[in-house]
Amino acid sequence: MKATLLKPASTLVASALVTSCAANSQMVTQKTDPIRVDGSSTVAPITQLAADEFKASHSKQTEVSINTSGTGGGFKKFCSGETDINNASRPILIQEMDACKQTKVAYLEIPIAFDAITVVVNPQNTWAKDMTSAELRKLWEPDAEEKITNWRQIRSSYPDRPIALYAPGQNSGTFDYFTQIVNGSGGASRKDYSASKEANDLAQNVIRDPNAIAYFGFGYYQADAKQLKPLAINSGQGAVLPSVKTVQSAKYQPLSRPLFIYVNLNSAQKKPQVKAFVEAYLKNADRHVKQTGYIPLPSQGYQLALNHFHEGKVGTVFAGKLQPGITITQLLAKEAVF
């Protein structure tokens, strides 16, 4: 479904929106309403870099307010019309699509990067170098609660030591994606673990505890790579460590995933500052994604996203479902549905 953003003959609003990014820079010369962003803490660092650069180039006349309620918590606000943009570490789900329909919030789904959900341990953990998908499930499935509490229970060659579990909270898109892929159902997880919506907190807990294990986004691992040890994941084709190359080549499976921003169409049409921000975001996304340690899309991916934004191509290419194993090429070739 398309709701054209840049047709000059449609309305006065659309006529204003036909201007280039440079013209928008001139339009935003006085204090404007803030651009309201919420959602994923995984995506937030990328959006924060884009916001800092945007504010600097607009003489700080436009505030970009970024909160981190998690992907799910952010979609609740987004679909109620409270925010202009939702950072998302997973695609929008069916129930969230329904919520947006009820409130008549049309959205543009914009992929901005790829991520490798990274399973990490403390460097003092000398025994674990990899895990199979089956072992991850054995550790994190609901039936493991208060039963699988020792490293030796995961693999007989591991030592008889307690295992300390750290993971994102239930409003997290990382939690949704990991539990869907590993346990077969989004949200299906043991509950006897220490949760935090901030990946930095999870990383610090692992850094302090030799018995710990956690999972979170690749960018957060990269930030503390010298103090964390990633585990290679074996999904049946051999153990593979997360890296830019293994994600781009689709070898790191099944924990590779796309990251998104979702933009409220009405905000993009009626708030020149939102339109200008998204344009600047996409034109500089490659650089910001690399700065935060995630995996950028190819340059044609950002141009395609920018074209779709200008065309007002609303909807999602995922039909409300997580699609594990999707590659960058497959993502960019999909058609949106609303």
C-alpha atoms as a PDB file:
ATOM      1  CA  MET A   1       0.000   0.000   0.000  1.00  0.00           C
ATOM      2  CA  LYS A   2       1.330   3.456  -0.867  1.00  0.00           C
ATOM      3  CA  ALA A   3       0.442   6.865   0.514  1.00  0.00           C
ATOM      4  CA  THR A   4       2.668   9.164  -1.501  1.00  0.00           C
ATOM      5  CA  LEU A   5       4.783  11.567   0.534  1.00  0.00           C
ATOM      6  CA  LEU A   6       6.160  13.656  -2.295  1.00  0.00           C
ATOM      7  CA  LYS A   7       3.419  14.252  -4.919  1.00  0.00           C
ATOM      8  CA  PRO A   8       3.389  18.038  -5.427  1.00  0.00           C
ATOM      9  CA  ALA A   9      -0.140  18.187  -6.833  1.00  0.00           C
ATOM     10  CA  SER A  10      -1.939  16.338  -4.054  1.00  0.00           C
ATOM     11  CA  THR A  11      -2.331  18.758  -1.147  1.00  0.00           C
ATOM     12  CA  LEU A  12      -0.728  21.822   0.391  1.00  0.00           C
ATOM     13  CA  VAL A  13       0.957  19.567   2.931  1.00  0.00           C
ATOM     14  CA  ALA A  14       2.342  17.295   0.240  1.00  0.00           C
ATOM     15  CA  SER A  15       3.451  20.365  -1.674  1.00  0.00           C
ATOM     16  CA  ALA A  16       5.513  21.428   1.312  1.00  0.00           C
ATOM     17  CA  LEU A  17       6.958  17.939   1.556  1.00  0.00           C
ATOM     18  CA  VAL A  18       8.199  17.873  -2.034  1.00  0.00           C
ATOM     19  CA  THR A  19      11.156  20.049  -1.104  1.00  0.00           C
ATOM     20  CA  SER A  20      14.603  18.542  -0.887  1.00  0.00           C
ATOM     21  CA  CYS A  21      16.481  17.757   2.297  1.00  0.00           C
ATOM     22  CA  ALA A  22      18.357  21.050   1.875  1.00  0.00           C
ATOM     23  CA  ALA A  23      15.091  22.971   1.712  1.00  0.00           C
ATOM     24  CA  ASN A  24      13.871  21.149   4.799  1.00  0.00           C
ATOM     25  CA  SER A  25      17.004  22.320   6.587  1.00  0.00           C
ATOM     26  CA  GLN A  26      15.909  25.887   5.868  1.00  0.00           C
ATOM     27  CA  MET A  27      12.346  25.155   7.019  1.00  0.00           C
ATOM     28  CA  VAL A  28      13.522  23.959  10.411  1.00  0.00           C
ATOM     29  CA  THR A  29      15.015  27.285  11.479  1.00  0.00           C
ATOM     30  CA  GLN A  30      12.905  27.923  14.543  1.00  0.00           C
ATOM     31  CA  LYS A  31      12.025  25.829  17.546  1.00  0.00           C
ATOM     32  CA  THR A  32       9.781  22.952  16.447  1.00  0.00           C
ATOM     33  CA  ASP A  33       7.862  20.188  18.162  1.00  0.00           C
ATOM     34  CA  PRO A  34      10.215  17.429  19.313  1.00  0.00           C
ATOM     35  CA  ILE A  35      10.622  14.285  17.256  1.00  0.00           C
ATOM     36  CA  ARG A  36       9.430  11.537  19.601  1.00  0.00           C
ATOM     37  CA  VAL A  37      11.261   8.217  19.403  1.00  0.00           C
ATOM     38  CA  ASP A  38      10.903   5.137  21.590  1.00  0.00           C
ATOM     39  CA  GLY A  39      11.466   1.393  21.388  1.00  0.00           C
ATOM     40  CA  SER A  40      14.461  -0.878  21.131  1.00  0.00           C
ATOM     41  CA  SER A  41      17.576  -0.288  23.223  1.00  0.00           C
ATOM     42  CA  THR A  42      19.469  -2.270  20.569  1.00  0.00           C
ATOM     43  CA  VAL A  43      18.620   0.227  17.829  1.00  0.00           C
ATOM     44  CA  ALA A  44      18.771   3.297  20.085  1.00  0.00           C
ATOM     45  CA  PRO A  45      22.546   3.908  19.731  1.00  0.00           C
ATOM     46  CA  ILE A  46      22.216   4.130  15.935  1.00  0.00           C
ATOM     47  CA  THR A  47      19.272   6.516  16.203  1.00  0.00           C
ATOM     48  CA  GLN A  48      21.096   8.559  18.845  1.00  0.00           C
ATOM     49  CA  LEU A  49      24.048   9.155  16.517  1.00  0.00           C
ATOM     50  CA  ALA A  50      21.640  10.179  13.753  1.00  0.00           C
ATOM     51  CA  ALA A  51      19.829  12.503  16.182  1.00  0.00           C
ATOM     52  CA  ASP A  52      23.022  14.137  17.456  1.00  0.00           C
ATOM     53  CA  GLU A  53      24.189  14.878  13.924  1.00  0.00           C
ATOM     54  CA  PHE A  54      20.758  16.107  12.864  1.00  0.00           C
ATOM     55  CA  LYS A  55      20.460  18.469  15.811  1.00  0.00           C
ATOM     56  CA  ALA A  56      23.943  19.866  15.160  1.00  0.00           C
ATOM     57  CA  SER A  57      23.125  20.539  11.500  1.00  0.00           C
ATOM     58  CA  HIS A  58      19.832  22.220  12.424  1.00  0.00           C
ATOM     59  CA  SER A  59      21.358  24.599  14.987  1.00  0.00           C
ATOM     60  CA  LYS A  60      19.795  22.500  17.746  1.00  0.00           C
ATOM     61  CA  GLN A  61      16.367  23.928  16.933  1.00  0.00           C
ATOM     62  CA  THR A  62      14.815  20.473  16.753  1.00  0.00           C
ATOM     63  CA  GLU A  63      14.826  18.189  19.767  1.00  0.00           C
ATOM     64  CA  VAL A  64      14.915  14.439  19.165  1.00  0.00           C
ATOM     65  CA  SER A  65      13.629  12.709  22.287  1.00  0.00           C
ATOM     66  CA  ILE A  66      14.740   9.041  22.448  1.00  0.00           C
ATOM     67  CA  ASN A  67      13.437   6.609  25.059  1.00  0.00           C
ATOM     68  CA  THR A  68      14.026   2.864  25.371  1.00  0.00           C
ATOM     69  CA  SER A  69      10.864   1.048  26.412  1.00  0.00           C
ATOM     70  CA  GLY A  70      11.896  -1.990  24.376  1.00  0.00           C
ATOM     71  CA  THR A  71      10.521  -2.885  20.954  1.00  0.00           C
ATOM     72  CA  GLY A  72       7.214  -4.142  22.337  1.00  0.00           C
ATOM     73  CA  GLY A  73       6.792  -1.283  24.804  1.00  0.00           C
ATOM     74  CA  GLY A  74       7.666   1.163  22.054  1.00  0.00           C
ATOM     75  CA  PHE A  75       5.081  -0.272  19.657  1.00  0.00           C
ATOM     76  CA  LYS A  76       2.377   0.251  22.297  1.00  0.00           C
ATOM     77  CA  LYS A  77       3.172   3.964  22.298  1.00  0.00           C
ATOM     78  CA  PHE A  78       3.700   4.112  18.539  1.00  0.00           C
ATOM     79  CA  CYS A  79       0.375   2.474  17.698  1.00  0.00           C
ATOM     80  CA  SER A  80      -1.445   4.789  20.088  1.00  0.00           C
ATOM     81  CA  GLY A  81       0.030   7.775  18.265  1.00  0.00           C
ATOM     82  CA  GLU A  82       2.279   8.907  21.126  1.00  0.00           C
ATOM     83  CA  THR A  83       5.517   8.686  19.129  1.00  0.00           C
ATOM     84  CA  ASP A  84       6.714   9.530  15.641  1.00  0.00           C
ATOM     85  CA  ILE A  85       9.284   6.758  15.292  1.00  0.00           C
ATOM     86  CA  ASN A  86       9.719   3.349  16.877  1.00  0.00           C
ATOM     87  CA  ASN A  87      13.129   1.698  17.036  1.00  0.00           C
ATOM     88  CA  ALA A  88      12.599  -2.040  16.561  1.00  0.00           C
ATOM     89  CA  SER A  89      14.897  -5.038  16.843  1.00  0.00           C
ATOM     90  CA  ARG A  90      12.261  -7.271  15.268  1.00  0.00           C
ATOM     91  CA  PRO A  91       9.439  -6.794  12.762  1.00  0.00           C
ATOM     92  CA  ILE A  92       6.029  -5.568  13.869  1.00  0.00           C
ATOM     93  CA  LEU A  93       3.811  -8.431  15.079  1.00  0.00           C
ATOM     94  CA  ILE A  94       0.210  -9.204  14.117  1.00  0.00           C
ATOM     95  CA  GLN A  95      -1.251  -7.889  17.365  1.00  0.00           C
ATOM     96  CA  GLU A  96       0.705  -4.654  16.926  1.00  0.00           C
ATOM     97  CA  MET A  97      -0.453  -4.361  13.314  1.00  0.00           C
ATOM     98  CA  ASP A  98      -4.033  -4.727  14.581  1.00  0.00           C
ATOM     99  CA  ALA A  99      -3.449  -2.085  17.248  1.00  0.00           C
ATOM    100  CA  CYS A 100      -2.144   0.358  14.636  1.00  0.00           C
ATOM    101  CA  LYS A 101      -5.136  -0.358  12.375  1.00  0.00           C
ATOM    102  CA  GLN A 102      -7.562   0.377  15.209  1.00  0.00           C
ATOM    103  CA  THR A 103      -5.986   3.772  15.817  1.00  0.00           C
ATOM    104  CA  LYS A 104      -5.452   4.410  12.073  1.00  0.00           C
ATOM    105  CA  VAL A 105      -1.706   4.718  12.469  1.00  0.00           C
ATOM    106  CA  ALA A 106      -0.126   3.969   9.085  1.00  0.00           C
ATOM    107  CA  TYR A 107       3.581   3.191   9.258  1.00  0.00           C
ATOM    108  CA  LEU A 108       6.640   2.928   7.065  1.00  0.00           C
ATOM    109  CA  GLU A 109       8.909  -0.025   7.876  1.00  0.00           C
ATOM    110  CA  ILE A 110      12.523   0.957   7.243  1.00  0.00           C
ATOM    111  CA  PRO A 111      15.356  -1.572   7.678  1.00  0.00           C
ATOM    112  CA  ILE A 112      18.556   0.145   8.803  1.00  0.00           C
ATOM    113  CA  ALA A 113      21.018  -2.605   9.758  1.00  0.00           C
ATOM    114  CA  PHE A 114      21.589  -6.260  10.496  1.00  0.00           C
ATOM    115  CA  ASP A 115      22.444  -7.660  13.897  1.00  0.00           C
ATOM    116  CA  ALA A 116      23.844 -10.874  15.290  1.00  0.00           C
ATOM    117  CA  ILE A 117      22.281 -11.737  18.635  1.00  0.00           C
ATOM    118  CA  THR A 118      25.440 -12.673  20.510  1.00  0.00           C
ATOM    119  CA  VAL A 119      25.688 -15.244  23.302  1.00  0.00           C
ATOM    120  CA  VAL A 120      28.497 -14.234  25.640  1.00  0.00           C
ATOM    121  CA  VAL A 121      30.330 -15.591  28.669  1.00  0.00           C
ATOM    122  CA  ASN A 122      33.082 -14.279  30.919  1.00  0.00           C
ATOM    123  CA  PRO A 123      36.658 -14.672  29.529  1.00  0.00           C
ATOM    124  CA  GLN A 124      37.494 -16.725  32.635  1.00  0.00           C
ATOM    125  CA  ASN A 125      35.072 -19.326  31.284  1.00  0.00           C
ATOM    126  CA  THR A 126      37.629 -21.605  29.627  1.00  0.00           C
ATOM    127  CA  TRP A 127      35.296 -24.516  28.982  1.00  0.00           C
ATOM    128  CA  ALA A 128      32.579 -23.152  26.702  1.00  0.00           C
ATOM    129  CA  LYS A 129      33.582 -22.127  23.189  1.00  0.00           C
ATOM    130  CA  ASP A 130      30.383 -22.964  21.336  1.00  0.00           C
ATOM    131  CA  MET A 131      26.811 -24.132  21.800  1.00  0.00           C
ATOM    132  CA  THR A 132      24.384 -25.938  19.555  1.00  0.00           C
ATOM    133  CA  SER A 133      20.860 -24.686  18.958  1.00  0.00           C
ATOM    134  CA  ALA A 134      19.636 -27.677  20.979  1.00  0.00           C
ATOM    135  CA  GLU A 135      21.857 -26.736  23.920  1.00  0.00           C
ATOM    136  CA  LEU A 136      20.610 -23.160  23.847  1.00  0.00           C
ATOM    137  CA  ARG A 137      17.063 -24.446  23.958  1.00  0.00           C
ATOM    138  CA  LYS A 138      17.898 -26.836  26.788  1.00  0.00           C
ATOM    139  CA  LEU A 139      19.201 -23.885  28.773  1.00  0.00           C
ATOM    140  CA  TRP A 140      16.504 -21.297  28.007  1.00  0.00           C
ATOM    141  CA  GLU A 141      13.243 -23.201  27.428  1.00  0.00           C
ATOM    142  CA  PRO A 142      10.455 -22.849  30.039  1.00  0.00           C
ATOM    143  CA  ASP A 143      10.975 -26.429  31.272  1.00  0.00           C
ATOM    144  CA  ALA A 144      14.540 -25.545  32.260  1.00  0.00           C
ATOM    145  CA  GLU A 145      13.328 -23.257  35.039  1.00  0.00           C
ATOM    146  CA  GLU A 146      14.870 -24.257  38.385  1.00  0.00           C
ATOM    147  CA  LYS A 147      16.084 -27.511  36.773  1.00  0.00           C
ATOM    148  CA  ILE A 148      19.009 -26.601  34.504  1.00  0.00           C
ATOM    149  CA  THR A 149      21.207 -24.655  36.906  1.00  0.00           C
ATOM    150  CA  ASN A 150      24.668 -26.117  36.351  1.00  0.00           C
ATOM    151  CA  TRP A 151      27.105 -25.905  33.443  1.00  0.00           C
ATOM    152  CA  ARG A 152      27.601 -29.680  33.421  1.00  0.00           C
ATOM    153  CA  GLN A 153      23.900 -30.130  32.695  1.00  0.00           C
ATOM    154  CA  ILE A 154      24.430 -28.383  29.346  1.00  0.00           C
ATOM    155  CA  ARG A 155      27.335 -30.553  28.224  1.00  0.00           C
ATOM    156  CA  SER A 156      29.019 -33.365  30.134  1.00  0.00           C
ATOM    157  CA  SER A 157      32.491 -31.974  29.427  1.00  0.00           C
ATOM    158  CA  TYR A 158      31.616 -28.713  31.159  1.00  0.00           C
ATOM    159  CA  PRO A 159      32.564 -28.339  34.856  1.00  0.00           C
ATOM    160  CA  ASP A 160      30.294 -28.794  37.842  1.00  0.00           C
ATOM    161  CA  ARG A 161      29.686 -25.077  38.368  1.00  0.00           C
ATOM    162  CA  PRO A 162      26.515 -23.034  38.863  1.00  0.00           C
ATOM    163  CA  ILE A 163      25.284 -21.092  35.849  1.00  0.00           C
ATOM    164  CA  ALA A 164      24.120 -17.483  36.172  1.00  0.00           C
ATOM    165  CA  LEU A 165      21.635 -16.330  33.532  1.00  0.00           C
ATOM    166  CA  TYR A 166      21.220 -12.766  32.240  1.00  0.00           C
ATOM    167  CA  ALA A 167      18.904 -11.685  29.437  1.00  0.00           C
ATOM    168  CA  PRO A 168      16.674  -8.853  28.172  1.00  0.00           C
ATOM    169  CA  GLY A 169      13.255  -8.231  29.700  1.00  0.00           C
ATOM    170  CA  GLN A 170       9.977  -9.318  28.162  1.00  0.00           C
ATOM    171  CA  ASN A 171       9.309  -5.998  26.376  1.00  0.00           C
ATOM    172  CA  SER A 172      12.521  -6.450  24.431  1.00  0.00           C
ATOM    173  CA  GLY A 173      12.526  -7.314  20.739  1.00  0.00           C
ATOM    174  CA  THR A 174      15.747  -9.225  21.350  1.00  0.00           C
ATOM    175  CA  PHE A 175      13.889 -11.360  23.912  1.00  0.00           C
ATOM    176  CA  ASP A 176      11.027 -11.922  21.443  1.00  0.00           C
ATOM    177  CA  TYR A 177      13.357 -12.897  18.618  1.00  0.00           C
ATOM    178  CA  PHE A 178      15.637 -15.118  20.696  1.00  0.00           C
ATOM    179  CA  THR A 179      12.790 -17.028  22.332  1.00  0.00           C
ATOM    180  CA  GLN A 180      10.987 -17.496  19.014  1.00  0.00           C
ATOM    181  CA  ILE A 181      14.090 -18.797  17.253  1.00  0.00           C
ATOM    182  CA  VAL A 182      15.553 -20.836  20.092  1.00  0.00           C
ATOM    183  CA  ASN A 183      12.444 -22.057  21.920  1.00  0.00           C
ATOM    184  CA  GLY A 184       9.962 -22.078  19.050  1.00  0.00           C
ATOM    185  CA  SER A 185       7.576 -19.490  20.477  1.00  0.00           C
ATOM    186  CA  GLY A 186       8.013 -15.767  21.063  1.00  0.00           C
ATOM    187  CA  GLY A 187       8.031 -15.069  24.795  1.00  0.00           C
ATOM    188  CA  ALA A 188       8.470 -18.731  25.781  1.00  0.00           C
ATOM    189  CA  SER A 189      11.346 -18.696  28.253  1.00  0.00           C
ATOM    190  CA  ARG A 190      12.394 -19.759  31.686  1.00  0.00           C
ATOM    191  CA  LYS A 191      11.826 -16.919  34.135  1.00  0.00           C
ATOM    192  CA  ASP A 192      14.507 -17.574  36.733  1.00  0.00           C
ATOM    193  CA  TYR A 193      17.065 -15.246  35.193  1.00  0.00           C
ATOM    194  CA  SER A 194      18.180 -11.686  35.877  1.00  0.00           C
ATOM    195  CA  ALA A 195      16.527  -9.367  33.367  1.00  0.00           C
ATOM    196  CA  SER A 196      17.370  -5.865  32.235  1.00  0.00           C
ATOM    197  CA  LYS A 197      16.147  -3.701  29.377  1.00  0.00           C
ATOM    198  CA  GLU A 198      19.659  -2.258  29.068  1.00  0.00           C
ATOM    199  CA  ALA A 199      22.209  -4.471  27.319  1.00  0.00           C
ATOM    200  CA  ASN A 200      25.019  -2.529  29.000  1.00  0.00           C
ATOM    201  CA  ASP A 201      23.791  -3.842  32.358  1.00  0.00           C
ATOM    202  CA  LEU A 202      23.716  -7.402  31.032  1.00  0.00           C
ATOM    203  CA  ALA A 203      27.261  -7.058  29.715  1.00  0.00           C
ATOM    204  CA  GLN A 204      28.557  -5.727  33.022  1.00  0.00           C
ATOM    205  CA  ASN A 205      26.996  -8.626  34.914  1.00  0.00           C
ATOM    206  CA  VAL A 206      28.810 -11.105  32.678  1.00  0.00           C
ATOM    207  CA  ILE A 207      32.072  -9.177  33.031  1.00  0.00           C
ATOM    208  CA  ARG A 208      31.794  -9.508  36.817  1.00  0.00           C
ATOM    209  CA  ASP A 209      30.717 -13.176  36.970  1.00  0.00           C
ATOM    210  CA  PRO A 210      32.847 -16.090  35.631  1.00  0.00           C
ATOM    211  CA  ASN A 211      29.791 -18.377  35.732  1.00  0.00           C
ATOM    212  CA  ALA A 212      27.526 -16.047  33.759  1.00  0.00           C
ATOM    213  CA  ILE A 213      25.981 -16.316  30.316  1.00  0.00           C
ATOM    214  CA  ALA A 214      23.859 -13.734  28.500  1.00  0.00           C
ATOM    215  CA  TYR A 215      22.570 -12.751  25.070  1.00  0.00           C
ATOM    216  CA  PHE A 216      22.167  -9.320  23.488  1.00  0.00           C
ATOM    217  CA  GLY A 217      22.915  -7.352  20.318  1.00  0.00           C
ATOM    218  CA  PHE A 218      26.239  -7.548  18.488  1.00  0.00           C
ATOM    219  CA  GLY A 219      26.920  -3.827  18.888  1.00  0.00           C
ATOM    220  CA  TYR A 220      26.869  -4.103  22.677  1.00  0.00           C
ATOM    221  CA  TYR A 221      29.247  -7.060  22.512  1.00  0.00           C
ATOM    222  CA  GLN A 222      31.562  -5.031  20.262  1.00  0.00           C
ATOM    223  CA  ALA A 223      31.617  -2.210  22.815  1.00  0.00           C
ATOM    224  CA  ASP A 224      33.043  -4.576  25.471  1.00  0.00           C
ATOM    225  CA  ALA A 225      34.721  -7.149  23.233  1.00  0.00           C
ATOM    226  CA  LYS A 226      37.929  -7.200  25.293  1.00  0.00           C
ATOM    227  CA  GLN A 227      35.993  -8.129  28.435  1.00  0.00           C
ATOM    228  CA  LEU A 228      33.508 -10.602  26.931  1.00  0.00           C
ATOM    229  CA  LYS A 229      33.825 -13.940  25.167  1.00  0.00           C
ATOM    230  CA  PRO A 230      31.333 -14.750  22.393  1.00  0.00           C
ATOM    231  CA  LEU A 231      30.193 -18.305  21.801  1.00  0.00           C
ATOM    232  CA  ALA A 232      30.084 -19.813  18.329  1.00  0.00           C
ATOM    233  CA  ILE A 233      26.620 -21.132  17.465  1.00  0.00           C
ATOM    234  CA  ASN A 234      26.142 -24.476  15.740  1.00  0.00           C
ATOM    235  CA  SER A 235      22.775 -24.774  14.015  1.00  0.00           C
ATOM    236  CA  GLY A 236      23.758 -27.927  12.136  1.00  0.00           C
ATOM    237  CA  GLN A 237      26.374 -26.588   9.726  1.00  0.00           C
ATOM    238  CA  GLY A 238      29.250 -26.253  12.172  1.00  0.00           C
ATOM    239  CA  ALA A 239      30.007 -23.714  14.899  1.00  0.00           C
ATOM    240  CA  VAL A 240      30.105 -20.114  13.625  1.00  0.00           C
ATOM    241  CA  LEU A 241      31.128 -17.013  15.551  1.00  0.00           C
ATOM    242  CA  PRO A 242      29.160 -13.788  15.050  1.00  0.00           C
ATOM    243  CA  SER A 243      30.929 -11.234  12.869  1.00  0.00           C
ATOM    244  CA  VAL A 244      30.220  -8.764  10.101  1.00  0.00           C
ATOM    245  CA  LYS A 245      31.357 -11.328   7.515  1.00  0.00           C
ATOM    246  CA  THR A 246      29.352 -14.259   8.885  1.00  0.00           C
ATOM    247  CA  VAL A 247      26.183 -12.152   9.017  1.00  0.00           C
ATOM    248  CA  GLN A 248      26.660 -10.717   5.537  1.00  0.00           C
ATOM    249  CA  SER A 249      27.301 -14.215   4.144  1.00  0.00           C
ATOM    250  CA  ALA A 250      24.276 -15.618   6.039  1.00  0.00           C
ATOM    251  CA  LYS A 251      26.514 -18.169   7.806  1.00  0.00           C
ATOM    252  CA  TYR A 252      25.677 -16.995  11.319  1.00  0.00           C
ATOM    253  CA  GLN A 253      22.317 -18.644  11.869  1.00  0.00           C
ATOM    254  CA  PRO A 254      19.739 -18.649  13.317  1.00  0.00           C
ATOM    255  CA  LEU A 255      20.511 -15.556  15.413  1.00  0.00           C
ATOM    256  CA  SER A 256      21.083 -13.051  12.609  1.00  0.00           C
ATOM    257  CA  ARG A 257      18.267 -10.503  12.180  1.00  0.00           C
ATOM    258  CA  PRO A 258      17.381  -7.131  10.628  1.00  0.00           C
ATOM    259  CA  LEU A 259      16.932  -3.960  12.672  1.00  0.00           C
ATOM    260  CA  PHE A 260      14.346  -1.276  11.842  1.00  0.00           C
ATOM    261  CA  ILE A 261      12.859   2.095  12.435  1.00  0.00           C
ATOM    262  CA  TYR A 262       9.079   2.421  11.966  1.00  0.00           C
ATOM    263  CA  VAL A 263       7.888   5.894  10.997  1.00  0.00           C
ATOM    264  CA  ASN A 264       4.366   7.211  11.548  1.00  0.00           C
ATOM    265  CA  LEU A 265       3.141   8.242   8.072  1.00  0.00           C
ATOM    266  CA  ASN A 266       1.064  11.122   9.427  1.00  0.00           C
ATOM    267  CA  SER A 267       4.112  12.492  11.247  1.00  0.00           C
ATOM    268  CA  ALA A 268       6.213  12.236   8.089  1.00  0.00           C
ATOM    269  CA  GLN A 269       3.526  14.096   6.094  1.00  0.00           C
ATOM    270  CA  LYS A 270       2.664  16.819   8.574  1.00  0.00           C
ATOM    271  CA  LYS A 271       5.936  17.418  10.437  1.00  0.00           C
ATOM    272  CA  PRO A 272       8.737  18.641   8.147  1.00  0.00           C
ATOM    273  CA  GLN A 273      11.262  17.975  10.924  1.00  0.00           C
ATOM    274  CA  VAL A 274      10.342  14.269  10.984  1.00  0.00           C
ATOM    275  CA  LYS A 275      10.689  13.965   7.226  1.00  0.00           C
ATOM    276  CA  ALA A 276      14.018  15.802   7.270  1.00  0.00           C
ATOM    277  CA  PHE A 277      15.307  13.631  10.125  1.00  0.00           C
ATOM    278  CA  VAL A 278      14.433  10.334   8.419  1.00  0.00           C
ATOM    279  CA  GLU A 279      16.046  11.505   5.178  1.00  0.00           C
ATOM    280  CA  ALA A 280      19.230  12.492   6.997  1.00  0.00           C
ATOM    281  CA  TYR A 281      19.122   9.219   8.972  1.00  0.00           C
ATOM    282  CA  LEU A 282      19.067   7.101   5.818  1.00  0.00           C
ATOM    283  CA  LYS A 283      21.651   9.147   3.953  1.00  0.00           C
ATOM    284  CA  ASN A 284      24.137   8.682   6.809  1.00  0.00           C
ATOM    285  CA  ALA A 285      23.003   5.280   8.106  1.00  0.00           C
ATOM    286  CA  ASP A 286      25.996   3.337   6.788  1.00  0.00           C
ATOM    287  CA  ARG A 287      28.393   5.458   8.832  1.00  0.00           C
ATOM    288  CA  HIS A 288      26.299   5.440  12.011  1.00  0.00           C
ATOM    289  CA  VAL A 289      25.674   1.684  11.851  1.00  0.00           C
ATOM    290  CA  LYS A 290      29.405   1.009  11.540  1.00  0.00           C
ATOM    291  CA  GLN A 291      30.134   3.344  14.466  1.00  0.00           C
ATOM    292  CA  THR A 292      27.835   1.351  16.729  1.00  0.00           C
ATOM    293  CA  GLY A 293      29.301  -2.015  15.728  1.00  0.00           C
ATOM    294  CA  TYR A 294      26.322  -3.372  13.792  1.00  0.00           C
ATOM    295  CA  ILE A 295      26.264  -4.586  10.185  1.00  0.00           C
ATOM    296  CA  PRO A 296      25.207  -2.003   7.579  1.00  0.00           C
ATOM    297  CA  LEU A 297      23.010  -2.719   4.576  1.00  0.00           C
ATOM    298  CA  PRO A 298      24.573  -2.358   1.140  1.00  0.00           C
ATOM    299  CA  SER A 299      24.347   1.190  -0.227  1.00  0.00           C
ATOM    300  CA  GLN A 300      21.494   0.214  -2.559  1.00  0.00           C
ATOM    301  CA  GLY A 301      19.554  -0.923   0.502  1.00  0.00           C
ATOM    302  CA  TYR A 302      19.534   2.570   1.966  1.00  0.00           C
ATOM    303  CA  GLN A 303      18.663   4.108  -1.389  1.00  0.00           C
ATOM    304  CA  LEU A 304      15.776   1.654  -1.741  1.00  0.00           C
ATOM    305  CA  ALA A 305      14.586   2.513   1.766  1.00  0.00           C
ATOM    306  CA  LEU A 306      14.785   6.218   0.940  1.00  0.00           C
ATOM    307  CA  ASN A 307      12.798   5.653  -2.256  1.00  0.00           C
ATOM    308  CA  HIS A 308      10.132   3.747  -0.336  1.00  0.00           C
ATOM    309  CA  PHE A 309       9.992   6.538   2.231  1.00  0.00           C
ATOM    310  CA  HIS A 310       9.492   9.179  -0.467  1.00  0.00           C
ATOM    311  CA  GLU A 311       6.818   7.033  -2.125  1.00  0.00           C
ATOM    312  CA  GLY A 312       5.014   6.590   1.185  1.00  0.00           C
ATOM    313  CA  LYS A 313       5.243   2.802   0.916  1.00  0.00           C
ATOM    314  CA  VAL A 314       3.449   1.815   4.092  1.00  0.00           C
ATOM    315  CA  GLY A 315       3.150  -1.624   5.665  1.00  0.00           C
ATOM    316  CA  THR A 316       5.473  -4.497   6.522  1.00  0.00           C
ATOM    317  CA  VAL A 317       7.225  -7.161   4.472  1.00  0.00           C
ATOM    318  CA  PHE A 318       6.942  -9.689   7.316  1.00  0.00           C
ATOM    319  CA  ALA A 319       3.141 -10.128   7.579  1.00  0.00           C
ATOM    320  CA  GLY A 320       3.345  -9.906  11.362  1.00  0.00           C
ATOM    321  CA  LYS A 321       5.707 -12.858  11.801  1.00  0.00           C
ATOM    322  CA  LEU A 322       9.367 -13.325  12.606  1.00  0.00           C
ATOM    323  CA  GLN A 323      11.227 -14.901   9.715  1.00  0.00           C
ATOM    324  CA  PRO A 324      14.471 -16.497  10.917  1.00  0.00           C
ATOM    325  CA  GLY A 325      17.293 -16.988   8.476  1.00  0.00           C
ATOM    326  CA  ILE A 326      16.328 -14.092   6.226  1.00  0.00           C
ATOM    327  CA  THR A 327      19.328 -12.653   4.386  1.00  0.00           C
ATOM    328  CA  ILE A 328      20.019  -9.039   3.500  1.00  0.00           C
ATOM    329  CA  THR A 329      19.297  -9.756  -0.164  1.00  0.00           C
ATOM    330  CA  GLN A 330      16.006 -11.492   0.631  1.00  0.00           C
ATOM    331  CA  LEU A 331      14.927  -8.637   2.906  1.00  0.00           C
ATOM    332  CA  LEU A 332      15.482  -5.981   0.260  1.00  0.00           C
ATOM    333  CA  ALA A 333      13.577  -8.002  -2.363  1.00  0.00           C
ATOM    334  CA  LYS A 334      10.391  -8.339  -0.301  1.00  0.00           C
ATOM    335  CA  GLU A 335       7.203  -6.399  -0.984  1.00  0.00           C
ATOM    336  CA  ALA A 336       5.322  -4.685   1.805  1.00  0.00           C
ATOM    337  CA  VAL A 337       1.806  -5.535   2.982  1.00  0.00           C
ATOM    338  CA  PHE A 338      -0.398  -3.515   5.333  1.00  0.00           C
END
